[in-house]
């Protein structure tokens, strides 16, 4: 089954990805087989994941969550779905620019 996942890096930042095999992908991030972003921030630990029927759904969710603020990602990780609408960005707020983490 495909997954969208979030790992927390050693510097406290989050990396959002999608994969077919979750355990293998986290292992790859921790053993130099991940993307450059996580290679420089090892070790990483899995903090959240969602399972999907199709990889295209997992990838779509990955792209959605990548554009969220850190606070909104943290609410998702913490299991606070009621906070997600409140944490949506307002384009006019410069402090809430999209995160590249």
C-alpha atoms as a PDB file:
ATOM      1  CA  UNK A   1       0.000   0.000   0.000  1.00  0.00           C
ATOM      2  CA  UNK A   2       1.245   3.515  -0.745  1.00  0.00           C
ATOM      3  CA  UNK A   3       1.818   6.008   2.028  1.00  0.00           C
ATOM      4  CA  UNK A   4       2.225   9.721   2.617  1.00  0.00           C
ATOM      5  CA  UNK A   5       4.604  10.178   5.518  1.00  0.00           C
ATOM      6  CA  UNK A   6       6.304  12.814   7.633  1.00  0.00           C
ATOM      7  CA  UNK A   7       9.680  12.317   9.245  1.00  0.00           C
ATOM      8  CA  UNK A   8      11.237  14.639  11.782  1.00  0.00           C
ATOM      9  CA  UNK A   9      14.895  15.359  11.109  1.00  0.00           C
ATOM     10  CA  UNK A  10      17.635  15.716  13.707  1.00  0.00           C
ATOM     11  CA  UNK A  11      17.425  19.516  13.419  1.00  0.00           C
ATOM     12  CA  UNK A  12      13.685  19.451  14.229  1.00  0.00           C
ATOM     13  CA  UNK A  13      12.524  20.146  10.674  1.00  0.00           C
ATOM     14  CA  UNK A  14       9.964  17.986   8.898  1.00  0.00           C
ATOM     15  CA  UNK A  15      10.277  16.168   5.594  1.00  0.00           C
ATOM     16  CA  UNK A  16       7.106  15.068   3.789  1.00  0.00           C
ATOM     17  CA  UNK A  17       7.219  12.257   1.245  1.00  0.00           C
ATOM     18  CA  UNK A  18       5.330   9.380  -0.316  1.00  0.00           C
ATOM     19  CA  UNK A  19       6.360   5.783  -0.864  1.00  0.00           C
ATOM     20  CA  UNK A  20       5.191   2.231  -1.496  1.00  0.00           C
ATOM     21  CA  UNK A  21       7.108   0.668   1.427  1.00  0.00           C
ATOM     22  CA  UNK A  22       7.162   2.879   4.500  1.00  0.00           C
ATOM     23  CA  UNK A  23       9.672   1.014   6.671  1.00  0.00           C
ATOM     24  CA  UNK A  24      12.165   0.705   3.816  1.00  0.00           C
ATOM     25  CA  UNK A  25      11.874   4.404   2.945  1.00  0.00           C
ATOM     26  CA  UNK A  26      12.531   5.539   6.516  1.00  0.00           C
ATOM     27  CA  UNK A  27      15.506   3.164   6.617  1.00  0.00           C
ATOM     28  CA  UNK A  28      16.778   4.690   3.360  1.00  0.00           C
ATOM     29  CA  UNK A  29      16.506   8.207   4.797  1.00  0.00           C
ATOM     30  CA  UNK A  30      18.588   7.112   7.788  1.00  0.00           C
ATOM     31  CA  UNK A  31      21.195   5.242   5.776  1.00  0.00           C
ATOM     32  CA  UNK A  32      22.083   7.737   3.072  1.00  0.00           C
ATOM     33  CA  UNK A  33      19.601   6.581   0.441  1.00  0.00           C
ATOM     34  CA  UNK A  34      17.128   9.376   0.983  1.00  0.00           C
ATOM     35  CA  UNK A  35      16.977  12.789  -0.601  1.00  0.00           C
ATOM     36  CA  UNK A  36      19.701  15.366  -0.015  1.00  0.00           C
ATOM     37  CA  UNK A  37      17.526  17.226   2.501  1.00  0.00           C
ATOM     38  CA  UNK A  38      17.365  14.291   4.911  1.00  0.00           C
ATOM     39  CA  UNK A  39      20.917  13.089   4.202  1.00  0.00           C
ATOM     40  CA  UNK A  40      22.203  16.271   5.819  1.00  0.00           C
ATOM     41  CA  UNK A  41      19.794  15.986   8.770  1.00  0.00           C
ATOM     42  CA  UNK A  42      20.102  12.386   9.943  1.00  0.00           C
ATOM     43  CA  UNK A  43      18.854  10.611  11.864  1.00  0.00           C
ATOM     44  CA  UNK A  44      15.185  11.003  11.036  1.00  0.00           C
ATOM     45  CA  UNK A  45      12.218   9.470  12.801  1.00  0.00           C
ATOM     46  CA  UNK A  46       8.800   8.691  11.450  1.00  0.00           C
ATOM     47  CA  UNK A  47       6.229  10.923  13.162  1.00  0.00           C
ATOM     48  CA  UNK A  48       3.151  10.494  10.946  1.00  0.00           C
ATOM     49  CA  UNK A  49       1.784   8.480   8.039  1.00  0.00           C
ATOM     50  CA  UNK A  50      -1.406   7.900   6.071  1.00  0.00           C
ATOM     51  CA  UNK A  51      -2.208   4.838   3.944  1.00  0.00           C
ATOM     52  CA  UNK A  52      -3.786   5.121   0.477  1.00  0.00           C
ATOM     53  CA  UNK A  53      -5.131   2.805  -2.199  1.00  0.00           C
ATOM     54  CA  UNK A  54      -3.141   4.399  -5.034  1.00  0.00           C
ATOM     55  CA  UNK A  55       0.272   6.038  -5.166  1.00  0.00           C
ATOM     56  CA  UNK A  56      -1.230   9.006  -6.995  1.00  0.00           C
ATOM     57  CA  UNK A  57      -3.402   9.694  -3.930  1.00  0.00           C
ATOM     58  CA  UNK A  58      -0.407   9.476  -1.584  1.00  0.00           C
ATOM     59  CA  UNK A  59       1.615  11.755  -3.866  1.00  0.00           C
ATOM     60  CA  UNK A  60      -1.246  14.260  -4.070  1.00  0.00           C
ATOM     61  CA  UNK A  61      -1.496  14.347  -0.291  1.00  0.00           C
ATOM     62  CA  UNK A  62       2.293  14.737  -0.046  1.00  0.00           C
ATOM     63  CA  UNK A  63       2.156  17.828  -2.248  1.00  0.00           C
ATOM     64  CA  UNK A  64      -0.740  19.251  -0.220  1.00  0.00           C
ATOM     65  CA  UNK A  65       1.007  18.795   3.147  1.00  0.00           C
ATOM     66  CA  UNK A  66       4.333  20.108   1.779  1.00  0.00           C
ATOM     67  CA  UNK A  67       2.652  23.472   1.276  1.00  0.00           C
ATOM     68  CA  UNK A  68       1.388  23.667   4.857  1.00  0.00           C
ATOM     69  CA  UNK A  69       2.959  25.747   7.588  1.00  0.00           C
ATOM     70  CA  UNK A  70       4.966  24.021  10.298  1.00  0.00           C
ATOM     71  CA  UNK A  71       2.155  24.700  12.790  1.00  0.00           C
ATOM     72  CA  UNK A  72      -0.388  23.020  10.548  1.00  0.00           C
ATOM     73  CA  UNK A  73       1.876  19.992  10.025  1.00  0.00           C
ATOM     74  CA  UNK A  74       2.383  19.764  13.774  1.00  0.00           C
ATOM     75  CA  UNK A  75      -1.380  19.774  14.346  1.00  0.00           C
ATOM     76  CA  UNK A  76      -1.708  16.887  11.866  1.00  0.00           C
ATOM     77  CA  UNK A  77       1.075  14.956  13.610  1.00  0.00           C
ATOM     78  CA  UNK A  78      -0.458  15.648  17.027  1.00  0.00           C
ATOM     79  CA  UNK A  79      -3.877  14.397  15.914  1.00  0.00           C
ATOM     80  CA  UNK A  80      -5.600  17.772  16.181  1.00  0.00           C
ATOM     81  CA  UNK A  81      -7.684  17.856  12.973  1.00  0.00           C
ATOM     82  CA  UNK A  82     -10.011  20.453  14.497  1.00  0.00           C
ATOM     83  CA  UNK A  83      -7.103  22.943  14.469  1.00  0.00           C
ATOM     84  CA  UNK A  84      -6.278  22.537  10.759  1.00  0.00           C
ATOM     85  CA  UNK A  85      -8.811  25.067   9.380  1.00  0.00           C
ATOM     86  CA  UNK A  86      -7.697  27.698  11.898  1.00  0.00           C
ATOM     87  CA  UNK A  87      -4.067  27.184  10.843  1.00  0.00           C
ATOM     88  CA  UNK A  88      -4.718  27.727   7.145  1.00  0.00           C
ATOM     89  CA  UNK A  89      -2.586  30.500   5.708  1.00  0.00           C
ATOM     90  CA  UNK A  90      -3.746  33.942   4.735  1.00  0.00           C
ATOM     91  CA  UNK A  91      -1.742  35.077   1.683  1.00  0.00           C
ATOM     92  CA  UNK A  92      -1.387  38.593   3.051  1.00  0.00           C
ATOM     93  CA  UNK A  93       0.476  37.412   6.160  1.00  0.00           C
ATOM     94  CA  UNK A  94       4.233  37.412   5.349  1.00  0.00           C
ATOM     95  CA  UNK A  95       5.019  35.298   8.429  1.00  0.00           C
ATOM     96  CA  UNK A  96       2.951  32.460   7.001  1.00  0.00           C
ATOM     97  CA  UNK A  97       4.808  31.965   3.727  1.00  0.00           C
ATOM     98  CA  UNK A  98       4.931  28.345   2.485  1.00  0.00           C
ATOM     99  CA  UNK A  99       7.570  26.236   4.179  1.00  0.00           C
ATOM    100  CA  UNK A 100      10.245  24.555   2.078  1.00  0.00           C
ATOM    101  CA  UNK A 101      10.980  21.955   4.742  1.00  0.00           C
END
